[in-house]
Amino acid sequence: MNNRPHECRDVIDHKGYPNQCAFLQANPQCFSDGFFDYVHFVYCDCGNFRWLGFLLLGIWLAALFYLLGNTAADYFCCSLEKLSSLLKLPPTVAGVALLPLGNGAPDVFASIAAFLGENSGDVGLNSVLGGAVFVTTVVVGAVSLCVAQKELQIDRRCFVRDICFFLVALFSLLTILMVGRVTVTVAIAFVSIYVVYAFFVAANELLRKHAQSSLLEVDTESDVIHDLPPSLPSWMWASNVAIFSNHSSKSNSMDEERSPWGFSCSRLFSIMEMPLTVPRRLTIPLVDDETWSKPYAVSSAALAPLLIAYLWSTQSDLSPSNRIIGYIIGISLGCTFGILAYQQTLPDRPPRTFMLAWVIGGFVMSIVWFYMIANELVCLLVAFGTILRINPSILGLTVLAWGNSMGDLVSNVALAMNGGDSLQIAMSGCYAGPMFNTLIGLGASMVLGAWSRGNGTYEIPRDGTLFLTIGFLVSGLLWALIVLPRNDMRPNKTLGVGLIAMYLVFLTVRLTAVTSFVLS
């Protein structure tokens, strides 16, 4: 929202005005920053059918969550996988640099969109920290309960390393919140904690592989020495957002279940999804063998610069002349890239030349769509806060955090049920993922927030309940750090029940604290 005062929440009572629509027309500062003015839509456009407005906004909220996860699964992660392969990145480097970005992209970009908004930084803070509490308590608790009877063991050193780095990150964030402001230098230092963590993980993995190779060389009974895999398994790139993927469901047995009218369930879903899919296919280059389409490739090369030019023109501080220049550059680049794509591509397979340019184009346009969707999602949540007279930070703590964490819950529980190394991957993801979102998501948000301010300093939103969130997050980490070593690193019911109970207490205390603050 643009400079939204607290009086905008009085739209329900509309004192001094005949109705809510008249209140909004007299207070233009209460409009939504997104592509749609949601508050005006409910109170003015819907008229006496306000229930229909709430229903449509609820459907649109679910669609935005789906778009955020699906863009990560079917577009962004494909670009990351191709980029890792083209650059010949070792699996350890890709695993700590690109893989978490693919799985954490929805949280990261939702946080960035919130911090770049005028008065929604508290939404970004609460969504990332709320998601971290949810994953490290509910998801870890669910994983522990699912494998409690199997007596499976996880690696002690990896677990302690992840917990310790996460605690360092949280205490650093706590210091920033206590100061109340952050500069670009401090924000970059905060991000660098993850760089140090990634270095430790990569170094440990390389040493482990070297030790295994040395053992194999001296093992006279072994005839073959296995090399490091050239790349990470493709399913890992989108494991936490796999529930939003369409590519993996094309061969689903649903195709065999046909209705009396001759349509398969998946085809019906594809038709319903088309308005959400086509705009992205027209602007995001995809060079995967299974999804290659020359018409879509040519259109994405031509329309991507136009989309960027349009987004550039929506900046409020641009003059009309700069907007015109932006459109001219976008149209020129679009025509040039479209012609080159038409001439240099074949209809039956992706291009073999300039592959890196195509992949980078898909990577950049995925980020553009991430920002558009995340920004719209944050604007919708802030609008819901105004309409329902709910603090938007609570919606970030619950709705946004839960929506972005569903992929972690589904994928990590499914991985843990497989046992063996899959349990280790699931447990590591439960801590490395939230840590990445905290350090990179909030860190990058603070860097951009401070950079966009004229004085180079970002004022952290004053929200005392954030200290409660960090306190419960630290408590969950310490509980796991105590219980797991005492049980020989085997997840059990004590760990699971304790963590889930802790989240329920956290949610009760957090909601009570905010309600008391609002009533006062």
Protein backbone atom coordinates (compact mmCIF):
# COMPACT_ATOMS: atom_id res chain seq x y z
CA MET A 1 0.00 0.00 0.00
CA ASN A 2 1.11 3.55 -0.64
CA ASN A 3 1.76 5.42 2.63
CA ARG A 4 -1.20 3.62 4.16
CA PRO A 5 -2.22 5.18 7.47
CA HIS A 6 -3.88 3.15 10.16
CA GLU A 7 -7.11 5.03 9.36
CA CYS A 8 -7.45 2.93 6.20
CA ARG A 9 -8.46 0.04 8.44
CA ASP A 10 -11.51 2.10 9.43
CA VAL A 11 -13.02 1.46 6.01
CA ILE A 12 -15.36 -1.11 7.61
CA ASP A 13 -16.90 1.49 9.95
CA HIS A 14 -16.63 4.31 7.34
CA LYS A 15 -17.52 6.93 9.95
CA GLY A 16 -18.63 10.17 8.31
CA TYR A 17 -19.26 8.48 4.95
CA PRO A 18 -22.43 6.82 3.62
CA ASN A 19 -20.62 3.56 2.73
CA GLN A 20 -17.20 1.95 2.35
CA CYS A 21 -16.91 2.92 -1.31
CA ALA A 22 -17.38 6.59 -0.49
CA PHE A 23 -14.69 6.25 2.19
CA LEU A 24 -12.23 4.82 -0.36
CA GLN A 25 -12.99 7.49 -2.93
CA ALA A 26 -12.30 10.16 -0.32
CA ASN A 27 -9.05 8.42 0.75
CA PRO A 28 -7.16 7.53 -2.46
CA GLN A 29 -4.08 6.62 -0.38
CA CYS A 30 -5.89 3.38 0.52
CA PHE A 31 -5.61 1.86 -2.95
CA SER A 32 -3.66 -1.35 -3.59
CA ASP A 33 -0.20 -1.18 -5.12
CA GLY A 34 -0.67 -4.31 -7.25
CA PHE A 35 -2.07 -4.73 -10.73
CA PHE A 36 -5.57 -4.72 -9.22
CA ASP A 37 -7.11 -2.49 -6.57
CA TYR A 38 -8.44 -5.26 -4.33
CA VAL A 39 -10.00 -3.04 -1.65
CA HIS A 40 -11.88 -0.99 -4.25
CA PHE A 41 -12.95 -4.21 -5.99
CA VAL A 42 -14.60 -5.60 -2.84
CA TYR A 43 -16.32 -2.46 -1.62
CA CYS A 44 -17.13 -0.67 -4.89
CA ASP A 45 -17.16 -3.09 -7.83
CA CYS A 46 -18.94 -5.96 -6.09
CA GLY A 47 -21.72 -3.79 -4.66
CA ASN A 48 -24.21 -5.92 -2.76
CA PHE A 49 -22.44 -9.14 -3.82
CA ARG A 50 -19.49 -8.62 -1.49
CA TRP A 51 -19.39 -12.31 -0.64
CA LEU A 52 -18.57 -12.96 -4.30
CA GLY A 53 -15.66 -10.54 -4.05
CA PHE A 54 -14.24 -12.40 -1.04
CA LEU A 55 -14.67 -15.70 -2.86
CA LEU A 56 -12.86 -14.44 -5.96
CA LEU A 57 -10.02 -12.96 -3.89
CA GLY A 58 -9.67 -16.29 -2.07
CA ILE A 59 -9.42 -18.13 -5.38
CA TRP A 60 -6.92 -15.56 -6.64
CA LEU A 61 -4.84 -15.99 -3.47
CA ALA A 62 -4.67 -19.75 -4.06
CA ALA A 63 -3.79 -19.12 -7.73
CA LEU A 64 -0.92 -16.80 -6.75
CA PHE A 65 0.50 -19.42 -4.37
CA TYR A 66 0.26 -21.98 -7.15
CA LEU A 67 1.91 -19.62 -9.65
CA LEU A 68 4.77 -18.96 -7.25
CA GLY A 69 5.44 -22.66 -6.66
CA ASN A 70 4.84 -23.73 -10.26
CA THR A 71 7.16 -21.05 -11.63
CA ALA A 72 9.86 -22.41 -9.33
CA ALA A 73 9.23 -26.04 -10.24
CA ASP A 74 8.67 -25.88 -14.00
CA TYR A 75 10.67 -22.82 -15.06
CA PHE A 76 13.22 -21.56 -12.55
CA CYS A 77 14.59 -24.94 -11.47
CA CYS A 78 14.87 -26.08 -15.10
CA SER A 79 17.03 -23.03 -15.81
CA LEU A 80 19.15 -23.70 -12.71
CA GLU A 81 19.69 -27.33 -13.68
CA LYS A 82 20.70 -26.37 -17.23
CA LEU A 83 22.94 -23.58 -15.93
CA SER A 84 24.70 -25.95 -13.56
CA SER A 85 25.26 -28.44 -16.38
CA LEU A 86 26.54 -25.84 -18.88
CA LEU A 87 28.92 -24.28 -16.35
CA LYS A 88 30.04 -27.79 -15.28
CA LEU A 89 29.57 -26.94 -11.61
CA PRO A 90 30.57 -29.69 -9.16
CA PRO A 91 27.61 -31.19 -7.29
CA THR A 92 28.84 -29.73 -4.00
CA VAL A 93 28.92 -26.20 -5.43
CA ALA A 94 25.52 -26.58 -7.07
CA GLY A 95 24.13 -28.12 -3.90
CA VAL A 96 24.95 -25.15 -1.67
CA ALA A 97 24.67 -22.34 -4.25
CA LEU A 98 21.93 -23.08 -6.79
CA LEU A 99 19.85 -25.90 -5.30
CA PRO A 100 18.66 -23.93 -2.23
CA LEU A 101 17.79 -21.01 -4.50
CA GLY A 102 15.52 -23.24 -6.53
CA ASN A 103 13.74 -24.62 -3.49
CA GLY A 104 13.65 -21.33 -1.58
CA ALA A 105 12.79 -19.01 -4.46
CA PRO A 106 9.15 -18.43 -3.40
CA ASP A 107 10.19 -17.33 0.10
CA VAL A 108 13.13 -15.24 -1.14
CA PHE A 109 11.18 -13.27 -3.72
CA ALA A 110 8.13 -12.84 -1.50
CA SER A 111 10.46 -11.34 1.11
CA ILE A 112 12.12 -9.05 -1.44
CA ALA A 113 8.75 -7.87 -2.74
CA ALA A 114 7.62 -7.09 0.80
CA PHE A 115 10.77 -5.15 1.70
CA LEU A 116 10.62 -3.05 -1.47
CA GLY A 117 7.01 -2.08 -0.65
CA GLU A 118 6.29 1.07 1.27
CA ASN A 119 4.84 -0.38 4.47
CA SER A 120 5.02 -4.16 4.10
CA GLY A 121 8.51 -4.98 5.38
CA ASP A 122 6.96 -6.56 8.46
CA VAL A 123 5.11 -8.97 6.16
CA GLY A 124 8.43 -10.15 4.70
CA LEU A 125 10.04 -10.58 8.11
CA ASN A 126 7.09 -12.49 9.52
CA SER A 127 6.67 -14.71 6.46
CA VAL A 128 10.33 -15.83 6.41
CA LEU A 129 10.66 -16.26 10.18
CA GLY A 130 7.17 -17.79 10.45
CA GLY A 131 8.04 -20.23 7.69
CA ALA A 132 11.32 -21.07 9.46
CA VAL A 133 9.45 -21.83 12.70
CA PHE A 134 6.91 -23.95 10.81
CA VAL A 135 9.56 -26.01 8.99
CA THR A 136 11.88 -26.53 11.97
CA THR A 137 9.00 -27.56 14.25
CA VAL A 138 6.02 -28.94 12.33
CA VAL A 139 7.95 -30.41 9.37
CA VAL A 140 10.79 -31.81 11.50
CA GLY A 141 8.18 -33.06 13.96
CA ALA A 142 6.17 -34.78 11.21
CA VAL A 143 9.35 -36.37 9.81
CA SER A 144 10.31 -37.60 13.27
CA LEU A 145 6.89 -39.13 13.91
CA CYS A 146 6.88 -40.85 10.51
CA VAL A 147 10.26 -42.55 11.03
CA ALA A 148 10.11 -43.03 14.82
CA GLN A 149 9.45 -46.78 14.53
CA LYS A 150 12.21 -47.36 11.97
CA GLU A 151 15.12 -46.45 14.30
CA LEU A 152 16.90 -44.58 11.48
CA GLN A 153 19.99 -42.51 12.22
CA ILE A 154 21.19 -39.19 10.81
CA ASP A 155 24.71 -37.76 10.60
CA ARG A 156 25.69 -36.03 13.84
CA ARG A 157 28.31 -33.67 12.37
CA CYS A 158 26.06 -32.38 9.60
CA PHE A 159 23.20 -31.83 12.03
CA VAL A 160 25.30 -29.95 14.59
CA ARG A 161 26.92 -27.86 11.84
CA ASP A 162 23.55 -26.80 10.40
CA ILE A 163 22.10 -25.99 13.83
CA CYS A 164 25.14 -23.93 14.88
CA PHE A 165 25.19 -21.87 11.69
CA PHE A 166 21.45 -21.31 11.96
CA LEU A 167 21.85 -20.07 15.54
CA VAL A 168 24.60 -17.67 14.46
CA ALA A 169 22.30 -16.35 11.72
CA LEU A 170 19.41 -15.86 14.16
CA PHE A 171 21.49 -14.05 16.76
CA SER A 172 22.88 -11.80 14.03
CA LEU A 173 19.34 -11.02 12.88
CA LEU A 174 18.33 -10.41 16.49
CA THR A 175 21.09 -7.81 16.78
CA ILE A 176 19.87 -6.08 13.61
CA LEU A 177 16.30 -6.00 14.93
CA MET A 178 17.47 -4.53 18.24
CA VAL A 179 19.40 -1.77 16.45
CA GLY A 180 16.35 -1.06 14.30
CA ARG A 181 18.16 -0.14 11.10
CA VAL A 182 20.54 -1.75 8.65
CA THR A 183 23.01 -0.39 6.12
CA VAL A 184 24.08 -1.96 2.85
CA THR A 185 27.40 -3.05 4.40
CA VAL A 186 25.74 -4.71 7.39
CA ALA A 187 23.20 -6.45 5.14
CA ILE A 188 25.98 -7.81 2.91
CA ALA A 189 27.81 -9.05 6.01
CA PHE A 190 24.61 -10.81 7.07
CA VAL A 191 24.37 -12.52 3.66
CA SER A 192 28.03 -13.55 3.88
CA ILE A 193 27.20 -15.88 6.78
CA TYR A 194 25.61 -18.19 4.22
CA VAL A 195 28.70 -17.90 2.02
CA VAL A 196 30.81 -19.14 4.94
CA TYR A 197 28.32 -21.94 5.56
CA ALA A 198 28.39 -22.94 1.89
CA PHE A 199 32.20 -23.02 1.98
CA PHE A 200 32.14 -25.34 5.01
CA VAL A 201 29.61 -27.66 3.35
CA ALA A 202 31.53 -27.76 0.05
CA ALA A 203 34.88 -28.30 1.77
CA ASN A 204 33.48 -31.08 3.95
CA GLU A 205 31.92 -32.81 0.93
CA LEU A 206 35.12 -32.58 -1.10
CA LEU A 207 37.16 -34.01 1.77
CA ARG A 208 34.65 -36.83 2.19
CA LYS A 209 34.78 -37.70 -1.51
CA HIS A 210 38.57 -37.57 -1.46
CA ALA A 211 38.66 -39.93 1.52
CA GLN A 212 36.29 -42.34 -0.22
CA SER A 213 38.42 -42.27 -3.39
CA SER A 214 41.56 -42.97 -1.36
CA LEU A 215 39.91 -45.96 0.29
CA LEU A 216 38.81 -47.30 -3.07
CA GLU A 217 42.31 -46.97 -4.51
CA VAL A 218 43.81 -49.14 -1.79
CA ASP A 219 40.96 -51.65 -1.85
CA THR A 220 42.37 -54.55 -3.86
CA GLU A 221 38.96 -56.23 -4.05
CA SER A 222 37.44 -53.36 -5.99
CA ASP A 223 37.91 -53.19 -9.75
CA VAL A 224 36.04 -49.95 -10.44
CA ILE A 225 36.48 -46.51 -8.92
CA HIS A 226 33.30 -44.47 -9.21
CA ASP A 227 33.69 -40.83 -10.22
CA LEU A 228 31.73 -37.96 -8.79
CA PRO A 229 28.36 -37.60 -10.46
CA PRO A 230 28.40 -34.91 -13.19
CA SER A 231 25.35 -33.18 -11.77
CA LEU A 232 22.75 -33.41 -9.06
CA PRO A 233 19.73 -35.65 -9.66
CA SER A 234 17.10 -33.68 -11.53
CA TRP A 235 14.37 -34.41 -8.96
CA MET A 236 16.36 -32.58 -6.27
CA TRP A 237 16.21 -29.25 -8.10
CA ALA A 238 12.54 -28.80 -7.30
CA SER A 239 11.98 -31.22 -4.43
CA ASN A 240 10.33 -28.69 -2.14
CA VAL A 241 8.08 -27.29 -4.88
CA ALA A 242 7.44 -30.56 -6.71
CA ILE A 243 3.79 -30.54 -5.68
CA PHE A 244 3.31 -27.54 -7.99
CA SER A 245 4.96 -29.17 -11.01
CA ASN A 246 3.03 -30.19 -14.12
CA HIS A 247 5.92 -31.78 -15.99
CA SER A 248 6.12 -34.76 -13.64
CA SER A 249 2.40 -35.45 -13.90
CA LYS A 250 2.11 -35.74 -17.66
CA SER A 251 2.41 -39.50 -17.53
CA ASN A 252 0.13 -39.79 -14.55
CA SER A 253 -2.47 -42.48 -14.52
CA MET A 254 -5.11 -39.77 -14.40
CA ASP A 255 -4.79 -39.66 -18.17
CA GLU A 256 -6.40 -43.06 -18.28
CA GLU A 257 -9.41 -41.99 -16.23
CA ARG A 258 -11.70 -40.50 -18.85
CA SER A 259 -15.05 -38.92 -18.30
CA PRO A 260 -18.17 -39.81 -20.33
CA TRP A 261 -17.47 -36.77 -22.52
CA GLY A 262 -14.07 -38.12 -23.55
CA PHE A 263 -11.88 -35.66 -21.62
CA SER A 264 -9.19 -36.86 -19.24
CA CYS A 265 -8.94 -35.27 -15.81
CA SER A 266 -5.45 -33.95 -16.53
CA ARG A 267 -6.59 -32.40 -19.82
CA LEU A 268 -9.48 -30.67 -18.07
CA PHE A 269 -7.05 -29.30 -15.50
CA SER A 270 -4.71 -28.14 -18.28
CA ILE A 271 -7.56 -26.22 -19.93
CA MET A 272 -8.46 -24.55 -16.64
CA GLU A 273 -4.79 -23.73 -16.01
CA MET A 274 -4.20 -22.27 -19.47
CA PRO A 275 -4.77 -18.60 -18.49
CA LEU A 276 -2.04 -19.01 -15.87
CA THR A 277 0.37 -21.00 -18.06
CA VAL A 278 0.26 -19.28 -21.46
CA PRO A 279 1.53 -15.83 -20.36
CA ARG A 280 4.61 -17.43 -18.76
CA ARG A 281 5.29 -19.72 -21.71
CA LEU A 282 5.10 -16.69 -24.02
CA THR A 283 7.76 -14.80 -22.04
CA ILE A 284 10.04 -17.39 -20.34
CA PRO A 285 12.43 -19.31 -22.67
CA LEU A 286 12.48 -23.07 -22.05
CA VAL A 287 15.15 -25.19 -23.75
CA ASP A 288 14.34 -28.55 -22.24
CA ASP A 289 13.91 -31.43 -24.72
CA GLU A 290 10.50 -32.40 -23.31
CA THR A 291 9.03 -28.89 -23.31
CA TRP A 292 10.68 -27.43 -26.42
CA SER A 293 8.40 -25.49 -28.77
CA LYS A 294 9.71 -23.18 -31.48
CA PRO A 295 6.60 -20.92 -31.52
CA TYR A 296 6.87 -20.42 -27.78
CA ALA A 297 10.64 -19.90 -28.05
CA VAL A 298 10.27 -17.20 -30.69
CA SER A 299 7.48 -15.48 -28.77
CA SER A 300 9.47 -15.55 -25.51
CA ALA A 301 12.49 -13.99 -27.22
CA ALA A 302 10.28 -11.27 -28.69
CA LEU A 303 7.96 -10.58 -25.76
CA ALA A 304 10.38 -10.84 -22.83
CA PRO A 305 11.99 -7.42 -23.50
CA LEU A 306 8.50 -5.90 -23.86
CA LEU A 307 7.45 -7.28 -20.47
CA ILE A 308 10.58 -5.87 -18.84
CA ALA A 309 9.95 -2.51 -20.54
CA TYR A 310 6.38 -2.50 -19.23
CA LEU A 311 7.49 -3.23 -15.68
CA TRP A 312 10.12 -0.52 -15.99
CA SER A 313 7.49 1.99 -17.10
CA THR A 314 5.35 1.30 -14.01
CA GLN A 315 7.99 2.82 -11.73
CA SER A 316 6.38 5.87 -10.17
CA ASP A 317 9.54 7.99 -10.15
CA LEU A 318 10.10 7.78 -13.93
CA SER A 319 9.37 10.72 -16.20
CA PRO A 320 7.15 10.24 -19.30
CA SER A 321 10.17 10.63 -21.57
CA ASN A 322 12.04 7.83 -19.78
CA ARG A 323 8.98 5.58 -20.07
CA ILE A 324 8.85 6.20 -23.83
CA ILE A 325 12.59 5.46 -24.14
CA GLY A 326 12.10 2.23 -22.21
CA TYR A 327 9.32 1.09 -24.53
CA ILE A 328 11.39 1.96 -27.63
CA ILE A 329 14.35 -0.09 -26.32
CA GLY A 330 12.05 -2.98 -25.38
CA ILE A 331 10.36 -3.06 -28.81
CA SER A 332 13.71 -2.85 -30.61
CA LEU A 333 15.26 -5.66 -28.58
CA GLY A 334 12.10 -7.76 -28.87
CA CYS A 335 12.02 -7.51 -32.66
CA THR A 336 15.74 -8.29 -32.92
CA PHE A 337 15.65 -11.29 -30.57
CA GLY A 338 12.44 -12.61 -32.15
CA ILE A 339 13.91 -12.57 -35.67
CA LEU A 340 17.15 -14.20 -34.51
CA ALA A 341 15.21 -16.89 -32.62
CA TYR A 342 13.09 -17.65 -35.69
CA GLN A 343 16.13 -17.95 -37.94
CA GLN A 344 18.42 -19.88 -35.58
CA THR A 345 16.06 -22.49 -34.07
CA LEU A 346 14.56 -25.74 -35.32
CA PRO A 347 11.01 -26.96 -34.65
CA ASP A 348 11.99 -30.43 -33.35
CA ARG A 349 14.76 -29.77 -30.82
CA PRO A 350 16.27 -27.01 -28.66
CA PRO A 351 19.16 -24.97 -30.10
CA ARG A 352 22.67 -26.30 -29.64
CA THR A 353 24.33 -22.94 -30.26
CA PHE A 354 24.00 -20.01 -27.87
CA MET A 355 22.48 -22.40 -25.32
CA LEU A 356 23.93 -20.37 -22.44
CA ALA A 357 22.15 -17.23 -23.69
CA TRP A 358 18.83 -19.10 -23.81
CA VAL A 359 19.33 -20.50 -20.29
CA ILE A 360 20.30 -17.10 -18.87
CA GLY A 361 17.22 -15.65 -20.56
CA GLY A 362 15.02 -18.27 -18.87
CA PHE A 363 16.75 -17.62 -15.55
CA VAL A 364 16.22 -13.84 -15.76
CA MET A 365 12.61 -14.05 -16.92
CA SER A 366 11.79 -16.56 -14.18
CA ILE A 367 13.07 -14.00 -11.68
CA VAL A 368 10.94 -11.30 -13.35
CA TRP A 369 7.84 -13.47 -12.98
CA PHE A 370 8.80 -14.34 -9.41
CA TYR A 371 8.91 -10.68 -8.53
CA MET A 372 5.61 -9.93 -10.27
CA ILE A 373 3.78 -12.81 -8.56
CA ALA A 374 5.35 -12.24 -5.15
CA ASN A 375 4.63 -8.52 -5.27
CA GLU A 376 1.00 -9.20 -6.16
CA LEU A 377 0.75 -11.78 -3.38
CA VAL A 378 2.06 -9.34 -0.78
CA CYS A 379 -0.28 -6.60 -2.04
CA LEU A 380 -3.24 -8.98 -1.78
CA LEU A 381 -2.32 -9.95 1.79
CA VAL A 382 -2.00 -6.29 2.78
CA ALA A 383 -5.40 -5.65 1.17
CA PHE A 384 -6.88 -8.55 3.16
CA GLY A 385 -5.42 -6.96 6.28
CA THR A 386 -7.20 -3.72 5.46
CA ILE A 387 -10.51 -5.35 4.55
CA LEU A 388 -10.59 -7.71 7.54
CA ARG A 389 -8.89 -5.25 9.89
CA ILE A 390 -6.11 -7.77 10.56
CA ASN A 391 -2.48 -6.85 11.00
CA PRO A 392 -0.80 -7.85 7.69
CA SER A 393 2.15 -9.24 9.66
CA ILE A 394 -0.18 -11.96 11.01
CA LEU A 395 -1.13 -12.90 7.46
CA GLY A 396 2.57 -13.09 6.62
CA LEU A 397 3.20 -15.24 9.69
CA THR A 398 0.39 -17.66 8.87
CA VAL A 399 -1.04 -17.58 5.34
CA LEU A 400 2.15 -16.64 3.48
CA ALA A 401 4.43 -18.79 5.66
CA TRP A 402 2.15 -21.84 5.43
CA GLY A 403 1.64 -21.46 1.70
CA ASN A 404 5.36 -21.28 0.99
CA SER A 405 6.14 -24.16 3.38
CA MET A 406 3.67 -26.74 2.07
CA GLY A 407 6.25 -27.97 -0.44
CA ASP A 408 8.74 -28.57 2.39
CA LEU A 409 6.17 -30.53 4.38
CA VAL A 410 5.12 -32.79 1.52
CA SER A 411 8.55 -33.40 -0.02
CA ASN A 412 10.55 -33.84 3.19
CA VAL A 413 8.05 -36.26 4.73
CA ALA A 414 7.98 -38.26 1.48
CA LEU A 415 11.78 -38.33 1.38
CA ALA A 416 12.05 -39.39 5.02
CA MET A 417 9.71 -42.35 4.46
CA ASN A 418 12.22 -43.76 1.95
CA GLY A 419 14.81 -44.08 4.72
CA GLY A 420 18.57 -44.23 4.32
CA ASP A 421 20.19 -41.21 2.66
CA SER A 422 16.75 -39.79 1.90
CA LEU A 423 16.14 -39.21 5.62
CA GLN A 424 19.46 -37.33 5.84
CA ILE A 425 18.47 -35.17 2.86
CA ALA A 426 15.06 -34.46 4.40
CA MET A 427 16.43 -33.51 7.83
CA SER A 428 19.20 -31.38 6.34
CA GLY A 429 16.66 -29.62 4.14
CA CYS A 430 14.53 -28.81 7.17
CA TYR A 431 17.37 -26.67 8.54
CA ALA A 432 19.44 -25.63 5.53
CA GLY A 433 16.34 -24.43 3.65
CA PRO A 434 15.01 -22.04 6.36
CA MET A 435 18.57 -20.86 7.01
CA PHE A 436 18.96 -20.03 3.31
CA ASN A 437 15.64 -18.17 3.32
CA THR A 438 16.68 -16.23 6.43
CA LEU A 439 20.18 -15.29 5.29
CA ILE A 440 19.64 -14.89 1.56
CA GLY A 441 15.94 -13.98 1.54
CA LEU A 442 16.06 -11.44 4.35
CA GLY A 443 19.67 -10.49 3.61
CA ALA A 444 19.03 -9.71 -0.04
CA SER A 445 15.81 -7.92 0.94
CA MET A 446 17.71 -5.71 3.39
CA VAL A 447 20.45 -5.03 0.83
CA LEU A 448 17.92 -3.93 -1.79
CA GLY A 449 15.84 -2.05 0.78
CA ALA A 450 18.87 -0.08 2.03
CA TRP A 451 20.16 0.44 -1.52
CA SER A 452 16.83 1.89 -2.67
CA ARG A 453 16.82 4.45 0.16
CA GLY A 454 18.59 7.72 -0.48
CA ASN A 455 20.60 7.56 2.76
CA GLY A 456 21.63 3.92 2.25
CA THR A 457 19.90 2.84 5.48
CA TYR A 458 16.78 0.70 5.81
CA GLU A 459 14.63 1.23 8.88
CA ILE A 460 13.51 -2.15 10.20
CA PRO A 461 9.76 -2.20 10.95
CA ARG A 462 9.15 -1.93 14.70
CA ASP A 463 7.45 -5.18 15.63
CA GLY A 464 8.14 -6.46 19.13
CA THR A 465 6.48 -9.79 18.37
CA LEU A 466 9.37 -10.65 16.05
CA PHE A 467 11.48 -11.26 19.16
CA LEU A 468 8.90 -13.85 20.25
CA THR A 469 9.20 -15.55 16.87
CA ILE A 470 12.99 -15.70 17.04
CA GLY A 471 12.79 -16.94 20.63
CA PHE A 472 10.55 -19.86 19.70
CA LEU A 473 12.69 -20.57 16.62
CA VAL A 474 15.82 -20.78 18.79
CA SER A 475 13.94 -22.94 21.31
CA GLY A 476 12.98 -25.42 18.59
CA LEU A 477 16.58 -25.66 17.40
CA LEU A 478 17.87 -26.18 20.94
CA TRP A 479 15.20 -28.82 21.63
CA ALA A 480 16.34 -30.80 18.58
CA LEU A 481 19.97 -30.25 19.57
CA ILE A 482 19.26 -31.80 22.98
CA VAL A 483 16.88 -34.64 22.09
CA LEU A 484 18.58 -36.06 18.98
CA PRO A 485 22.09 -36.62 20.48
CA ARG A 486 20.52 -38.17 23.60
CA ASN A 487 18.73 -40.67 21.33
CA ASP A 488 21.87 -41.48 19.31
CA MET A 489 20.74 -39.19 16.44
CA ARG A 490 17.56 -41.20 15.82
CA PRO A 491 14.40 -39.09 15.36
CA ASN A 492 11.73 -40.28 17.79
CA LYS A 493 8.27 -39.38 19.08
CA THR A 494 9.68 -37.24 21.89
CA LEU A 495 11.31 -34.97 19.33
CA GLY A 496 8.26 -34.90 17.06
CA VAL A 497 5.58 -34.32 19.68
CA GLY A 498 7.71 -31.72 21.47
CA LEU A 499 8.34 -29.70 18.31
CA ILE A 500 4.70 -29.75 17.13
CA ALA A 501 3.50 -28.78 20.62
CA MET A 502 6.02 -25.95 20.62
CA TYR A 503 4.61 -24.61 17.34
CA LEU A 504 1.05 -24.68 18.70
CA VAL A 505 2.18 -22.75 21.77
CA PHE A 506 4.08 -20.31 19.55
CA LEU A 507 1.06 -19.70 17.35
CA THR A 508 -1.20 -19.15 20.38
CA VAL A 509 1.23 -16.75 22.07
CA ARG A 510 1.98 -14.88 18.84
CA LEU A 511 -1.66 -14.34 17.93
CA THR A 512 -2.51 -13.36 21.51
CA ALA A 513 0.35 -10.85 21.61
CA VAL A 514 -0.72 -9.18 18.38
CA THR A 515 -4.40 -9.12 19.40
CA SER A 516 -3.51 -7.49 22.72
CA PHE A 517 -1.33 -4.94 20.92
CA VAL A 518 -4.12 -4.03 18.48
CA LEU A 519 -6.77 -3.73 21.23
CA SER A 520 -4.51 -1.48 23.27
